N, C-alpha and C. Protein backbone atom coordinates (compact mmCIF):
# COMPACT_ATOMS: atom_id res chain seq x y z
N MET A 1 12.77 65.16 -36.80
CA MET A 1 12.78 66.61 -36.84
C MET A 1 12.16 67.23 -35.62
N ARG A 2 12.83 68.04 -35.03
CA ARG A 2 12.29 68.82 -33.79
C ARG A 2 11.74 70.11 -34.13
N THR A 3 10.56 70.43 -33.53
CA THR A 3 9.90 71.72 -33.82
C THR A 3 10.42 72.76 -32.77
N ALA A 4 10.64 73.91 -33.33
CA ALA A 4 11.18 74.96 -32.46
C ALA A 4 10.05 75.62 -31.66
N ASN A 5 10.32 76.04 -30.48
CA ASN A 5 9.30 76.75 -29.54
C ASN A 5 9.31 78.21 -30.04
N THR A 6 8.60 78.56 -31.04
CA THR A 6 8.55 79.97 -31.45
C THR A 6 7.61 80.70 -30.41
N PRO A 7 7.83 82.02 -30.34
CA PRO A 7 6.98 82.79 -29.49
C PRO A 7 5.53 82.69 -29.73
N ILE A 8 5.09 82.46 -30.99
CA ILE A 8 3.67 82.30 -31.36
C ILE A 8 3.16 81.10 -30.81
N LEU A 9 3.92 79.99 -30.92
CA LEU A 9 3.49 78.66 -30.40
C LEU A 9 3.45 78.78 -28.80
N LEU A 10 4.37 79.44 -28.25
CA LEU A 10 4.39 79.52 -26.75
C LEU A 10 3.14 80.36 -26.34
N LEU A 11 2.84 81.44 -26.95
CA LEU A 11 1.70 82.23 -26.70
C LEU A 11 0.35 81.45 -26.86
N ALA A 12 0.29 80.65 -28.03
CA ALA A 12 -0.92 79.81 -28.27
C ALA A 12 -1.04 78.81 -27.17
N ARG A 13 -0.01 78.13 -26.78
CA ARG A 13 -0.12 77.14 -25.72
C ARG A 13 -0.51 77.76 -24.39
N ALA A 14 -0.02 78.97 -24.12
CA ALA A 14 -0.37 79.66 -22.83
C ALA A 14 -1.86 80.04 -22.87
N LEU A 15 -2.32 80.53 -23.93
CA LEU A 15 -3.74 80.89 -24.00
C LEU A 15 -4.61 79.67 -23.92
N PHE A 16 -4.21 78.53 -24.56
CA PHE A 16 -4.96 77.37 -24.43
C PHE A 16 -5.12 76.92 -23.02
N TYR A 17 -3.99 76.86 -22.26
CA TYR A 17 -4.08 76.48 -20.91
C TYR A 17 -4.86 77.41 -20.01
N ARG A 18 -4.73 78.67 -20.34
CA ARG A 18 -5.42 79.72 -19.60
C ARG A 18 -6.96 79.66 -19.72
N PHE A 19 -7.43 79.43 -21.01
CA PHE A 19 -8.86 79.50 -21.13
C PHE A 19 -9.57 78.10 -21.28
N ALA A 20 -8.88 77.21 -21.92
CA ALA A 20 -9.48 75.90 -22.17
C ALA A 20 -9.55 75.02 -20.82
N LEU A 21 -8.53 75.22 -20.05
CA LEU A 21 -8.44 74.38 -18.78
C LEU A 21 -8.90 75.16 -17.60
N LYS A 22 -9.55 76.31 -17.82
CA LYS A 22 -9.95 77.13 -16.65
C LYS A 22 -11.10 76.43 -15.99
N LYS A 23 -11.09 76.48 -14.66
CA LYS A 23 -12.19 75.88 -13.88
C LYS A 23 -13.44 76.57 -14.04
N PRO A 24 -14.60 75.91 -14.24
CA PRO A 24 -15.87 76.56 -14.31
C PRO A 24 -16.23 77.35 -13.04
N SER A 25 -16.74 78.49 -13.27
CA SER A 25 -17.20 79.39 -12.11
C SER A 25 -18.30 78.64 -11.29
N THR A 26 -18.19 78.73 -9.99
CA THR A 26 -19.20 78.19 -9.17
C THR A 26 -20.31 79.09 -8.85
N SER A 27 -20.06 80.39 -9.05
CA SER A 27 -21.03 81.41 -8.67
C SER A 27 -22.06 81.45 -9.87
N ALA A 28 -23.33 81.61 -9.52
CA ALA A 28 -24.42 81.86 -10.53
C ALA A 28 -24.29 83.18 -11.11
N ASN A 29 -23.79 84.14 -10.40
CA ASN A 29 -23.69 85.49 -10.88
C ASN A 29 -22.23 85.86 -11.39
N SER A 30 -21.63 84.98 -12.06
CA SER A 30 -20.21 85.21 -12.45
C SER A 30 -20.10 86.34 -13.40
N ARG A 31 -21.08 86.69 -14.13
CA ARG A 31 -21.12 87.82 -15.02
C ARG A 31 -21.76 89.05 -14.54
N GLN A 32 -21.83 89.23 -13.13
CA GLN A 32 -22.57 90.29 -12.52
C GLN A 32 -22.02 91.65 -12.94
N GLY A 33 -20.65 91.68 -13.26
CA GLY A 33 -20.07 93.04 -13.60
C GLY A 33 -20.59 93.51 -14.97
N ASP A 34 -21.06 92.56 -15.84
CA ASP A 34 -21.56 93.02 -17.15
C ASP A 34 -23.03 93.30 -17.19
N ILE A 35 -23.75 93.02 -16.13
CA ILE A 35 -25.16 93.17 -16.06
C ILE A 35 -25.49 94.55 -15.69
N VAL A 36 -26.34 95.17 -16.51
CA VAL A 36 -26.86 96.56 -16.17
C VAL A 36 -28.45 96.44 -16.10
N SER A 37 -29.00 97.02 -15.12
CA SER A 37 -30.48 96.95 -14.96
C SER A 37 -31.17 97.62 -16.16
N LEU A 38 -32.35 97.26 -16.49
CA LEU A 38 -33.12 97.78 -17.60
C LEU A 38 -33.45 99.26 -17.29
N LYS A 39 -33.70 99.60 -16.14
CA LYS A 39 -34.05 100.98 -15.65
C LYS A 39 -32.86 101.86 -15.86
N ASP A 40 -31.66 101.46 -15.45
CA ASP A 40 -30.42 102.14 -15.76
C ASP A 40 -30.08 102.39 -17.22
N SER A 41 -30.38 101.30 -17.97
CA SER A 41 -30.07 101.37 -19.43
C SER A 41 -31.04 102.42 -20.12
N ILE A 42 -32.30 102.36 -19.68
CA ILE A 42 -33.28 103.30 -20.36
C ILE A 42 -32.98 104.77 -19.91
N THR A 43 -32.61 104.91 -18.65
CA THR A 43 -32.18 106.28 -18.20
C THR A 43 -31.01 106.75 -18.92
N ALA A 44 -29.98 105.92 -19.17
CA ALA A 44 -28.82 106.34 -19.89
C ALA A 44 -29.13 106.67 -21.31
N LEU A 45 -30.03 105.88 -21.93
CA LEU A 45 -30.48 106.14 -23.31
C LEU A 45 -31.16 107.44 -23.43
N LEU A 46 -32.12 107.75 -22.45
CA LEU A 46 -32.86 108.98 -22.56
C LEU A 46 -31.88 110.20 -22.31
N LYS A 47 -30.92 110.05 -21.51
CA LYS A 47 -29.85 111.15 -21.26
C LYS A 47 -29.04 111.26 -22.46
N ALA A 48 -28.59 110.19 -23.07
CA ALA A 48 -27.78 110.30 -24.25
C ALA A 48 -28.42 111.03 -25.43
N TYR A 49 -29.70 110.74 -25.63
CA TYR A 49 -30.42 111.38 -26.71
C TYR A 49 -31.17 112.63 -26.34
N ARG A 50 -31.05 113.06 -25.10
CA ARG A 50 -31.64 114.21 -24.47
C ARG A 50 -33.20 114.19 -24.70
N LEU A 51 -33.82 113.14 -24.33
CA LEU A 51 -35.21 112.90 -24.52
C LEU A 51 -36.02 112.97 -23.14
N GLN A 52 -35.37 113.05 -22.07
CA GLN A 52 -36.03 113.07 -20.75
C GLN A 52 -37.04 114.18 -20.60
N GLY A 53 -36.69 115.38 -21.11
CA GLY A 53 -37.53 116.50 -21.00
C GLY A 53 -38.83 116.33 -21.76
N LYS A 54 -38.69 115.84 -23.01
CA LYS A 54 -39.90 115.54 -23.87
C LYS A 54 -40.76 114.46 -23.24
N LEU A 55 -40.11 113.46 -22.78
CA LEU A 55 -40.87 112.34 -22.11
C LEU A 55 -41.64 112.81 -20.90
N ASN A 56 -41.07 113.78 -20.16
CA ASN A 56 -41.81 114.32 -18.96
C ASN A 56 -42.96 115.08 -19.41
N GLU A 57 -42.84 115.90 -20.49
CA GLU A 57 -43.96 116.61 -21.04
C GLU A 57 -45.09 115.73 -21.52
N VAL A 58 -44.74 114.70 -22.20
CA VAL A 58 -45.78 113.64 -22.61
C VAL A 58 -46.45 113.09 -21.39
N THR A 59 -45.65 112.80 -20.37
CA THR A 59 -46.24 112.17 -19.18
C THR A 59 -47.21 113.08 -18.54
N VAL A 60 -46.91 114.44 -18.49
CA VAL A 60 -47.81 115.42 -17.88
C VAL A 60 -49.14 115.41 -18.70
N VAL A 61 -49.15 115.56 -19.98
CA VAL A 61 -50.32 115.53 -20.77
C VAL A 61 -51.21 114.21 -20.65
N ALA A 62 -50.44 113.06 -20.61
CA ALA A 62 -51.05 111.78 -20.44
C ALA A 62 -51.70 111.55 -19.05
N SER A 63 -51.13 112.24 -18.13
CA SER A 63 -51.60 112.02 -16.69
C SER A 63 -52.63 113.09 -16.33
N TRP A 64 -53.02 113.97 -17.18
CA TRP A 64 -53.98 115.04 -16.82
C TRP A 64 -55.29 114.48 -16.23
N GLU A 65 -55.90 113.50 -16.91
CA GLU A 65 -57.16 112.93 -16.33
C GLU A 65 -57.02 112.28 -15.06
N LYS A 66 -55.87 111.54 -14.92
CA LYS A 66 -55.60 110.76 -13.67
C LYS A 66 -55.44 111.74 -12.50
N VAL A 67 -54.69 112.81 -12.69
CA VAL A 67 -54.45 113.75 -11.63
C VAL A 67 -55.66 114.70 -11.28
N MET A 68 -56.36 115.12 -12.29
CA MET A 68 -57.48 116.09 -12.11
C MET A 68 -58.83 115.38 -11.89
N GLY A 69 -58.94 114.25 -12.36
CA GLY A 69 -60.25 113.51 -12.24
C GLY A 69 -61.05 113.54 -13.54
N LYS A 70 -62.06 112.62 -13.62
CA LYS A 70 -62.80 112.51 -14.78
C LYS A 70 -63.67 113.71 -15.06
N ALA A 71 -64.25 114.28 -14.02
CA ALA A 71 -65.12 115.50 -14.28
C ALA A 71 -64.41 116.62 -14.93
N VAL A 72 -63.13 116.94 -14.39
CA VAL A 72 -62.33 118.05 -15.00
C VAL A 72 -61.87 117.63 -16.44
N ALA A 73 -61.59 116.32 -16.63
CA ALA A 73 -61.11 115.88 -18.00
C ALA A 73 -62.22 115.95 -18.97
N LEU A 74 -63.38 115.77 -18.62
CA LEU A 74 -64.56 115.92 -19.55
C LEU A 74 -64.75 117.30 -20.02
N LYS A 75 -64.42 118.27 -19.22
CA LYS A 75 -64.57 119.70 -19.58
C LYS A 75 -63.30 120.25 -20.11
N THR A 76 -62.26 119.53 -20.32
CA THR A 76 -61.04 119.90 -20.89
C THR A 76 -61.03 119.70 -22.35
N LYS A 77 -60.67 120.70 -23.14
CA LYS A 77 -60.74 120.57 -24.61
C LYS A 77 -59.26 120.23 -25.07
N GLU A 78 -58.29 120.86 -24.49
CA GLU A 78 -56.91 120.58 -24.98
C GLU A 78 -55.87 120.88 -23.81
N VAL A 79 -54.87 120.01 -23.86
CA VAL A 79 -53.77 120.08 -22.89
C VAL A 79 -52.47 119.94 -23.60
N TYR A 80 -51.54 120.97 -23.45
CA TYR A 80 -50.20 120.82 -24.00
C TYR A 80 -49.23 121.61 -23.25
N VAL A 81 -47.94 121.27 -23.36
CA VAL A 81 -46.81 121.80 -22.65
C VAL A 81 -45.87 122.52 -23.60
N SER A 82 -45.47 123.74 -23.25
CA SER A 82 -44.55 124.43 -24.00
C SER A 82 -43.70 125.35 -23.12
N ASN A 83 -42.39 125.14 -23.18
CA ASN A 83 -41.44 126.03 -22.38
C ASN A 83 -41.73 125.83 -20.91
N ASN A 84 -41.97 124.65 -20.38
CA ASN A 84 -42.22 124.43 -18.97
C ASN A 84 -43.57 125.08 -18.55
N LYS A 85 -44.39 125.43 -19.42
CA LYS A 85 -45.77 125.90 -19.06
C LYS A 85 -46.80 124.98 -19.50
N LEU A 86 -47.75 124.71 -18.69
CA LEU A 86 -48.84 123.82 -18.95
C LEU A 86 -50.04 124.64 -19.41
N PHE A 87 -50.47 124.47 -20.65
CA PHE A 87 -51.64 125.26 -21.16
C PHE A 87 -52.85 124.17 -21.29
N VAL A 88 -53.92 124.72 -20.62
CA VAL A 88 -55.16 123.86 -20.55
C VAL A 88 -56.29 124.74 -21.13
N ARG A 89 -56.92 124.24 -22.13
CA ARG A 89 -58.11 124.87 -22.68
C ARG A 89 -59.35 124.21 -22.19
N LEU A 90 -60.24 124.98 -21.50
CA LEU A 90 -61.35 124.37 -20.81
C LEU A 90 -62.66 124.93 -21.50
N THR A 91 -63.73 124.21 -21.37
CA THR A 91 -65.03 124.56 -21.98
C THR A 91 -65.96 125.18 -20.91
N SER A 92 -65.52 125.14 -19.69
CA SER A 92 -66.49 125.68 -18.62
C SER A 92 -65.76 126.90 -18.00
N ALA A 93 -66.49 128.00 -17.95
CA ALA A 93 -65.95 129.23 -17.33
C ALA A 93 -65.83 129.15 -15.81
N PRO A 94 -66.90 128.61 -15.20
CA PRO A 94 -66.72 128.39 -13.77
C PRO A 94 -65.60 127.37 -13.36
N LEU A 95 -65.45 126.39 -14.00
CA LEU A 95 -64.30 125.47 -13.83
C LEU A 95 -62.99 126.20 -13.98
N LYS A 96 -62.92 127.01 -14.98
CA LYS A 96 -61.69 127.73 -15.21
C LYS A 96 -61.39 128.69 -14.07
N HIS A 97 -62.41 129.35 -13.59
CA HIS A 97 -62.25 130.26 -12.45
C HIS A 97 -61.78 129.46 -11.22
N GLU A 98 -62.35 128.33 -10.94
CA GLU A 98 -61.92 127.53 -9.78
C GLU A 98 -60.48 127.00 -9.91
N LEU A 99 -60.10 126.63 -11.14
CA LEU A 99 -58.73 126.16 -11.42
C LEU A 99 -57.61 127.24 -11.33
N VAL A 100 -58.08 128.47 -11.66
CA VAL A 100 -57.21 129.59 -11.64
C VAL A 100 -56.91 129.87 -10.21
N MET A 101 -57.93 129.75 -9.36
CA MET A 101 -57.75 129.99 -7.88
C MET A 101 -56.86 128.92 -7.27
N ALA A 102 -56.82 127.78 -7.79
CA ALA A 102 -56.07 126.65 -7.26
C ALA A 102 -54.80 126.26 -8.17
N LYS A 103 -54.33 127.33 -8.86
CA LYS A 103 -53.27 127.06 -9.82
C LYS A 103 -51.97 126.41 -9.27
N THR A 104 -51.56 126.88 -8.08
CA THR A 104 -50.33 126.30 -7.51
C THR A 104 -50.55 124.89 -7.11
N ARG A 105 -51.74 124.54 -6.60
CA ARG A 105 -52.04 123.16 -6.18
C ARG A 105 -52.08 122.29 -7.44
N VAL A 106 -52.60 122.73 -8.54
CA VAL A 106 -52.62 121.90 -9.79
C VAL A 106 -51.22 121.73 -10.18
N MET A 107 -50.35 122.63 -10.19
CA MET A 107 -48.95 122.56 -10.56
C MET A 107 -48.20 121.57 -9.67
N GLU A 108 -48.50 121.61 -8.33
CA GLU A 108 -47.79 120.67 -7.35
C GLU A 108 -48.34 119.24 -7.70
N LEU A 109 -49.62 119.02 -7.95
CA LEU A 109 -50.13 117.72 -8.25
C LEU A 109 -49.48 117.08 -9.56
N ILE A 110 -49.42 117.89 -10.59
CA ILE A 110 -48.81 117.50 -11.80
C ILE A 110 -47.43 117.13 -11.63
N ASN A 111 -46.57 118.01 -11.01
CA ASN A 111 -45.17 117.73 -10.75
C ASN A 111 -44.91 116.51 -9.88
N SER A 112 -45.71 116.30 -8.94
CA SER A 112 -45.60 115.15 -8.07
C SER A 112 -45.94 113.79 -8.81
N GLU A 113 -46.83 113.91 -9.80
CA GLU A 113 -47.17 112.78 -10.58
C GLU A 113 -46.02 112.31 -11.46
N VAL A 114 -45.34 113.37 -12.04
CA VAL A 114 -44.14 113.07 -12.88
C VAL A 114 -42.96 112.72 -12.06
N GLY A 115 -42.77 113.35 -10.90
CA GLY A 115 -41.59 113.08 -10.10
C GLY A 115 -40.52 114.07 -10.26
N GLU A 116 -40.77 115.08 -11.07
CA GLU A 116 -39.74 116.16 -11.25
C GLU A 116 -40.57 117.48 -11.38
N ALA A 117 -39.84 118.58 -11.20
CA ALA A 117 -40.47 119.91 -11.40
C ALA A 117 -40.46 120.32 -12.87
N VAL A 118 -41.44 119.68 -13.62
CA VAL A 118 -41.42 119.87 -15.15
C VAL A 118 -42.13 121.13 -15.41
N ILE A 119 -43.22 121.40 -14.66
CA ILE A 119 -44.17 122.56 -14.93
C ILE A 119 -43.82 123.68 -13.99
N LYS A 120 -43.48 124.89 -14.55
CA LYS A 120 -43.20 126.05 -13.73
C LYS A 120 -44.40 126.96 -13.64
N GLU A 121 -45.28 126.86 -14.58
CA GLU A 121 -46.43 127.76 -14.71
C GLU A 121 -47.65 127.00 -15.37
N VAL A 122 -48.88 127.34 -14.90
CA VAL A 122 -50.08 126.75 -15.50
C VAL A 122 -50.87 127.90 -16.04
N VAL A 123 -51.33 127.73 -17.29
CA VAL A 123 -52.15 128.77 -17.92
C VAL A 123 -53.36 128.11 -18.40
N PHE A 124 -54.58 128.68 -17.89
CA PHE A 124 -55.84 128.19 -18.24
C PHE A 124 -56.45 129.04 -19.35
N LEU A 125 -56.82 128.48 -20.49
CA LEU A 125 -57.35 129.17 -21.65
C LEU A 125 -58.83 128.95 -21.78
């Protein structure tokens, strides 16, 4: 009894020869097209969930001591960001006066630390 060459059998035979008998790739990076860097993946995730702005605000608050120094951080009571404004509550009136005079420099330092223009205005309380 002879078996007929049905289209399904012909397709199965072609797929077998195509994939089972395929020569192994000599390149170590044969899957390079599927690889995405971790940085790009995280950036895409932050963009998809619209979290980049909030992450920048948290980075500003977290880097206050690093940017301004330990002496200023010790006299800082509270730091928070709202509507692209940085609010800083200080315990020292002379320090507040000095920082008000250098408001634009403080804003530049903070924005350069984050890498984006996150802060548009600084308010000392």
